[in-house]
Amino acid sequence: MLGDGVIREITALNSNLIVSQMKLNILYIIVFAFSFLKGNSQIVKNKSTQPIVFNENTFSEFTPREIKMLNTVYGKMLKNEILDWPTRVLAMKEILRNRVEVIQLTDPRHHKPCPMLSEIPLFNVFNDSLKRDLSFNPMKFNPLKYNFKFHSADTQLIRVDNSDYFIIIKSQHYNN
């Protein structure tokens, strides 16, 4: 028969083995989780977007017309949301100067099925009194008023209702 001291030693050894096994299991879990997270982050890195290439004309100041367009949409928040952020300033200039084009296709055979301008929601986050234009004038069109997918990798085509005008929103990577 084993004495009390031997039984306590065996119990202590068993406890130490159990604790060691638990520590080893926790270590395995940590290593597995780390390798899983690291593997997933590499997948995300591989999906990174291309840098946006800005045209030379984006480095000049906003024109009065562009400032008016920005003010119409951003109002009192223009400075905080756009003008204080150099990257946003460049992006806005790129959109207004290079990525939005209005074309007129008078031959119906060249018309393509696409969403109508009336189907595009207004971008009225900063100006809840923003209204659609009653009539379309390509020289006064403000694309910032609409919630276009400006950050899309694809070029978009939108038709102006009851007209032969089409709006082309070029991909933000059109210049790459």
C-alpha atoms as a PDB file:
ATOM      1  CA  MET A   1       0.000   0.000   0.000  1.00  0.00           C
ATOM      2  CA  LEU A   2       1.228   3.507  -0.872  1.00  0.00           C
ATOM      3  CA  GLY A   3       1.718   6.114   1.821  1.00  0.00           C
ATOM      4  CA  ASP A   4       0.037   9.480   1.973  1.00  0.00           C
ATOM      5  CA  GLY A   5       3.261  11.220   0.907  1.00  0.00           C
ATOM      6  CA  VAL A   6       3.575   9.092  -2.245  1.00  0.00           C
ATOM      7  CA  ILE A   7      -0.064   9.678  -3.138  1.00  0.00           C
ATOM      8  CA  ARG A   8       0.421  13.438  -2.729  1.00  0.00           C
ATOM      9  CA  GLU A   9       3.504  13.300  -4.976  1.00  0.00           C
ATOM     10  CA  ILE A  10       1.648  11.339  -7.643  1.00  0.00           C
ATOM     11  CA  THR A  11      -1.291  13.754  -7.430  1.00  0.00           C
ATOM     12  CA  ALA A  12       1.078  16.733  -7.704  1.00  0.00           C
ATOM     13  CA  LEU A  13       2.833  15.125 -10.707  1.00  0.00           C
ATOM     14  CA  ASN A  14      -0.531  14.455 -12.370  1.00  0.00           C
ATOM     15  CA  SER A  15      -1.589  18.062 -11.721  1.00  0.00           C
ATOM     16  CA  ASN A  16       1.683  19.334 -13.171  1.00  0.00           C
ATOM     17  CA  LEU A  17       1.236  17.091 -16.234  1.00  0.00           C
ATOM     18  CA  ILE A  18      -2.322  18.323 -16.724  1.00  0.00           C
ATOM     19  CA  VAL A  19      -1.213  21.969 -16.391  1.00  0.00           C
ATOM     20  CA  SER A  20       1.704  21.371 -18.794  1.00  0.00           C
ATOM     21  CA  GLN A  21      -0.618  19.673 -21.282  1.00  0.00           C
ATOM     22  CA  MET A  22      -3.065  22.597 -21.000  1.00  0.00           C
ATOM     23  CA  LYS A  23      -0.236  25.110 -21.576  1.00  0.00           C
ATOM     24  CA  LEU A  24       0.896  23.115 -24.605  1.00  0.00           C
ATOM     25  CA  ASN A  25      -2.673  23.033 -25.974  1.00  0.00           C
ATOM     26  CA  ILE A  26      -2.991  26.797 -25.476  1.00  0.00           C
ATOM     27  CA  LEU A  27       0.327  27.297 -27.250  1.00  0.00           C
ATOM     28  CA  TYR A  28      -0.922  25.180 -30.180  1.00  0.00           C
ATOM     29  CA  ILE A  29      -4.109  27.236 -30.343  1.00  0.00           C
ATOM     30  CA  ILE A  30      -2.147  30.508 -30.299  1.00  0.00           C
ATOM     31  CA  VAL A  31       0.245  29.301 -33.017  1.00  0.00           C
ATOM     32  CA  PHE A  32      -2.671  28.063 -35.142  1.00  0.00           C
ATOM     33  CA  ALA A  33      -4.602  31.319 -34.697  1.00  0.00           C
ATOM     34  CA  PHE A  34      -1.543  33.420 -35.524  1.00  0.00           C
ATOM     35  CA  SER A  35      -0.780  31.419 -38.654  1.00  0.00           C
ATOM     36  CA  PHE A  36      -4.445  31.602 -39.698  1.00  0.00           C
ATOM     37  CA  LEU A  37      -4.548  35.385 -39.224  1.00  0.00           C
ATOM     38  CA  LYS A  38      -1.225  35.834 -40.984  1.00  0.00           C
ATOM     39  CA  GLY A  39      -2.453  33.700 -43.889  1.00  0.00           C
ATOM     40  CA  ASN A  40      -5.629  35.778 -44.163  1.00  0.00           C
ATOM     41  CA  SER A  41      -3.722  39.050 -44.074  1.00  0.00           C
ATOM     42  CA  GLN A  42      -1.653  37.895 -47.028  1.00  0.00           C
ATOM     43  CA  ILE A  43      -4.865  37.237 -48.919  1.00  0.00           C
ATOM     44  CA  VAL A  44      -6.015  40.787 -48.166  1.00  0.00           C
ATOM     45  CA  LYS A  45      -2.649  42.183 -49.264  1.00  0.00           C
ATOM     46  CA  ASN A  46      -3.002  40.407 -52.589  1.00  0.00           C
ATOM     47  CA  LYS A  47      -6.383  42.102 -53.106  1.00  0.00           C
ATOM     48  CA  SER A  48      -5.014  45.602 -52.516  1.00  0.00           C
ATOM     49  CA  THR A  49      -6.157  48.230 -54.969  1.00  0.00           C
ATOM     50  CA  GLN A  50      -4.001  49.957 -57.497  1.00  0.00           C
ATOM     51  CA  PRO A  51      -2.819  53.461 -56.683  1.00  0.00           C
ATOM     52  CA  ILE A  52      -4.834  56.217 -58.306  1.00  0.00           C
ATOM     53  CA  VAL A  53      -2.935  58.205 -60.908  1.00  0.00           C
ATOM     54  CA  PHE A  54      -3.960  61.862 -60.977  1.00  0.00           C
ATOM     55  CA  ASN A  55      -3.712  63.940 -64.142  1.00  0.00           C
ATOM     56  CA  GLU A  56      -1.537  67.045 -64.195  1.00  0.00           C
ATOM     57  CA  ASN A  57      -4.606  69.297 -64.271  1.00  0.00           C
ATOM     58  CA  THR A  58      -5.533  68.248 -60.729  1.00  0.00           C
ATOM     59  CA  PHE A  59      -2.618  70.207 -59.282  1.00  0.00           C
ATOM     60  CA  SER A  60      -4.046  73.629 -60.142  1.00  0.00           C
ATOM     61  CA  GLU A  61      -6.492  75.430 -57.851  1.00  0.00           C
ATOM     62  CA  PHE A  62     -10.242  74.813 -57.897  1.00  0.00           C
ATOM     63  CA  THR A  63     -12.039  77.031 -60.377  1.00  0.00           C
ATOM     64  CA  PRO A  64     -14.897  79.268 -59.144  1.00  0.00           C
ATOM     65  CA  ARG A  65     -17.343  76.937 -60.920  1.00  0.00           C
ATOM     66  CA  GLU A  66     -15.901  73.895 -59.105  1.00  0.00           C
ATOM     67  CA  ILE A  67     -16.084  75.672 -55.746  1.00  0.00           C
ATOM     68  CA  LYS A  68     -19.741  76.474 -56.461  1.00  0.00           C
ATOM     69  CA  MET A  69     -20.407  72.792 -57.269  1.00  0.00           C
ATOM     70  CA  LEU A  70     -18.687  71.678 -54.063  1.00  0.00           C
ATOM     71  CA  ASN A  71     -20.536  74.302 -51.988  1.00  0.00           C
ATOM     72  CA  THR A  72     -23.864  73.153 -53.404  1.00  0.00           C
ATOM     73  CA  VAL A  73     -23.244  69.626 -52.114  1.00  0.00           C
ATOM     74  CA  TYR A  74     -21.130  70.107 -48.977  1.00  0.00           C
ATOM     75  CA  GLY A  75     -22.292  73.529 -47.739  1.00  0.00           C
ATOM     76  CA  LYS A  76     -20.799  74.453 -44.362  1.00  0.00           C
ATOM     77  CA  MET A  77     -18.972  71.116 -44.213  1.00  0.00           C
ATOM     78  CA  LEU A  78     -16.880  71.757 -47.355  1.00  0.00           C
ATOM     79  CA  LYS A  79     -13.752  72.762 -45.439  1.00  0.00           C
ATOM     80  CA  ASN A  80     -13.957  69.878 -42.944  1.00  0.00           C
ATOM     81  CA  GLU A  81     -14.905  67.209 -45.464  1.00  0.00           C
ATOM     82  CA  ILE A  82     -12.875  68.177 -48.543  1.00  0.00           C
ATOM     83  CA  LEU A  83     -10.646  71.254 -48.382  1.00  0.00           C
ATOM     84  CA  ASP A  84      -8.739  70.169 -45.246  1.00  0.00           C
ATOM     85  CA  TRP A  85      -7.849  66.812 -46.855  1.00  0.00           C
ATOM     86  CA  PRO A  86      -5.307  67.080 -49.711  1.00  0.00           C
ATOM     87  CA  THR A  87      -6.134  63.612 -51.037  1.00  0.00           C
ATOM     88  CA  ARG A  88      -9.845  64.420 -51.158  1.00  0.00           C
ATOM     89  CA  VAL A  89      -9.072  67.700 -52.919  1.00  0.00           C
ATOM     90  CA  LEU A  90      -7.149  65.781 -55.595  1.00  0.00           C
ATOM     91  CA  ALA A  91      -9.922  63.190 -55.891  1.00  0.00           C
ATOM     92  CA  MET A  92     -12.581  65.885 -56.349  1.00  0.00           C
ATOM     93  CA  LYS A  93     -10.535  67.652 -58.999  1.00  0.00           C
ATOM     94  CA  GLU A  94      -9.962  64.331 -60.780  1.00  0.00           C
ATOM     95  CA  ILE A  95     -13.705  63.608 -60.758  1.00  0.00           C
ATOM     96  CA  LEU A  96     -14.745  67.061 -61.950  1.00  0.00           C
ATOM     97  CA  ARG A  97     -11.993  67.562 -64.523  1.00  0.00           C
ATOM     98  CA  ASN A  98     -11.277  64.111 -65.908  1.00  0.00           C
ATOM     99  CA  ARG A  99     -13.638  61.340 -64.912  1.00  0.00           C
ATOM    100  CA  VAL A 100     -17.117  62.685 -65.686  1.00  0.00           C
ATOM    101  CA  GLU A 101     -18.041  63.208 -69.293  1.00  0.00           C
ATOM    102  CA  VAL A 102     -21.406  64.185 -70.794  1.00  0.00           C
ATOM    103  CA  ILE A 103     -21.973  63.082 -74.362  1.00  0.00           C
ATOM    104  CA  GLN A 104     -24.917  63.444 -76.706  1.00  0.00           C
ATOM    105  CA  LEU A 105     -25.855  60.478 -78.896  1.00  0.00           C
ATOM    106  CA  THR A 106     -28.488  61.616 -81.346  1.00  0.00           C
ATOM    107  CA  ASP A 107     -28.610  58.300 -83.207  1.00  0.00           C
ATOM    108  CA  PRO A 108     -30.854  55.905 -81.205  1.00  0.00           C
ATOM    109  CA  ARG A 109     -28.909  52.936 -82.593  1.00  0.00           C
ATOM    110  CA  HIS A 110     -25.990  54.030 -80.390  1.00  0.00           C
ATOM    111  CA  HIS A 111     -28.093  54.172 -77.216  1.00  0.00           C
ATOM    112  CA  LYS A 112     -27.263  51.457 -74.730  1.00  0.00           C
ATOM    113  CA  PRO A 113     -29.427  50.199 -71.894  1.00  0.00           C
ATOM    114  CA  CYS A 114     -28.294  51.801 -68.653  1.00  0.00           C
ATOM    115  CA  PRO A 115     -29.723  53.387 -65.499  1.00  0.00           C
ATOM    116  CA  MET A 116     -31.507  56.701 -65.836  1.00  0.00           C
ATOM    117  CA  LEU A 117     -30.280  59.755 -63.959  1.00  0.00           C
ATOM    118  CA  SER A 118     -33.605  59.880 -62.087  1.00  0.00           C
ATOM    119  CA  GLU A 119     -32.774  56.439 -60.639  1.00  0.00           C
ATOM    120  CA  ILE A 120     -29.542  57.669 -59.047  1.00  0.00           C
ATOM    121  CA  PRO A 121     -30.159  58.972 -55.512  1.00  0.00           C
ATOM    122  CA  LEU A 122     -29.057  62.453 -54.567  1.00  0.00           C
ATOM    123  CA  PHE A 123     -25.965  62.761 -52.383  1.00  0.00           C
ATOM    124  CA  ASN A 124     -27.671  64.881 -49.747  1.00  0.00           C
ATOM    125  CA  VAL A 125     -25.725  63.826 -46.654  1.00  0.00           C
ATOM    126  CA  PHE A 126     -24.421  67.356 -46.056  1.00  0.00           C
ATOM    127  CA  ASN A 127     -27.236  69.323 -47.679  1.00  0.00           C
ATOM    128  CA  ASP A 128     -30.688  67.886 -47.086  1.00  0.00           C
ATOM    129  CA  SER A 129     -32.283  70.623 -49.209  1.00  0.00           C
ATOM    130  CA  LEU A 130     -30.398  69.459 -52.319  1.00  0.00           C
ATOM    131  CA  LYS A 131     -32.753  69.176 -55.304  1.00  0.00           C
ATOM    132  CA  ARG A 132     -32.573  67.620 -58.751  1.00  0.00           C
ATOM    133  CA  ASP A 133     -32.288  70.031 -61.663  1.00  0.00           C
ATOM    134  CA  LEU A 134     -35.621  70.696 -63.380  1.00  0.00           C
ATOM    135  CA  SER A 135     -33.955  70.556 -66.768  1.00  0.00           C
ATOM    136  CA  PHE A 136     -30.620  69.145 -67.882  1.00  0.00           C
ATOM    137  CA  ASN A 137     -27.896  71.488 -69.059  1.00  0.00           C
ATOM    138  CA  PRO A 138     -24.617  69.663 -69.762  1.00  0.00           C
ATOM    139  CA  MET A 139     -22.639  72.872 -69.173  1.00  0.00           C
ATOM    140  CA  LYS A 140     -24.094  73.291 -65.672  1.00  0.00           C
ATOM    141  CA  PHE A 141     -24.331  69.642 -64.650  1.00  0.00           C
ATOM    142  CA  ASN A 142     -23.005  68.977 -61.134  1.00  0.00           C
ATOM    143  CA  PRO A 143     -22.106  65.272 -60.832  1.00  0.00           C
ATOM    144  CA  LEU A 144     -21.338  65.676 -57.129  1.00  0.00           C
ATOM    145  CA  LYS A 145     -25.065  66.093 -56.436  1.00  0.00           C
ATOM    146  CA  TYR A 146     -25.622  62.429 -57.283  1.00  0.00           C
ATOM    147  CA  ASN A 147     -24.586  59.328 -55.402  1.00  0.00           C
ATOM    148  CA  PHE A 148     -22.581  57.895 -58.284  1.00  0.00           C
ATOM    149  CA  LYS A 149     -20.168  55.074 -57.531  1.00  0.00           C
ATOM    150  CA  PHE A 150     -17.090  57.254 -57.936  1.00  0.00           C
ATOM    151  CA  HIS A 151     -14.843  54.633 -56.303  1.00  0.00           C
ATOM    152  CA  SER A 152     -15.856  51.844 -58.647  1.00  0.00           C
ATOM    153  CA  ALA A 153     -13.310  49.910 -60.660  1.00  0.00           C
ATOM    154  CA  ASP A 154     -15.754  49.951 -63.579  1.00  0.00           C
ATOM    155  CA  THR A 155     -16.825  52.723 -65.926  1.00  0.00           C
ATOM    156  CA  GLN A 156     -20.489  53.634 -65.531  1.00  0.00           C
ATOM    157  CA  LEU A 157     -22.965  54.867 -68.101  1.00  0.00           C
ATOM    158  CA  ILE A 158     -26.084  56.789 -67.068  1.00  0.00           C
ATOM    159  CA  ARG A 159     -28.711  58.201 -69.377  1.00  0.00           C
ATOM    160  CA  VAL A 160     -30.320  61.545 -68.725  1.00  0.00           C
ATOM    161  CA  ASP A 161     -34.095  61.022 -68.722  1.00  0.00           C
ATOM    162  CA  ASN A 162     -36.013  62.099 -71.834  1.00  0.00           C
ATOM    163  CA  SER A 163     -32.884  63.128 -73.696  1.00  0.00           C
ATOM    164  CA  ASP A 164     -30.042  61.954 -75.898  1.00  0.00           C
ATOM    165  CA  TYR A 165     -27.483  62.805 -73.217  1.00  0.00           C
ATOM    166  CA  PHE A 166     -25.410  60.169 -71.493  1.00  0.00           C
ATOM    167  CA  ILE A 167     -23.122  60.615 -68.499  1.00  0.00           C
ATOM    168  CA  ILE A 168     -19.946  58.577 -68.413  1.00  0.00           C
ATOM    169  CA  ILE A 169     -18.272  58.092 -65.037  1.00  0.00           C
ATOM    170  CA  LYS A 170     -14.819  56.709 -65.728  1.00  0.00           C
ATOM    171  CA  SER A 171     -13.282  54.194 -63.340  1.00  0.00           C
ATOM    172  CA  GLN A 172     -10.983  55.731 -60.766  1.00  0.00           C
ATOM    173  CA  HIS A 173      -8.250  53.599 -62.365  1.00  0.00           C
ATOM    174  CA  TYR A 174      -8.928  54.718 -65.955  1.00  0.00           C
ATOM    175  CA  ASN A 175      -5.551  56.453 -65.988  1.00  0.00           C
ATOM    176  CA  ASN A 176      -3.455  53.444 -64.890  1.00  0.00           C
END
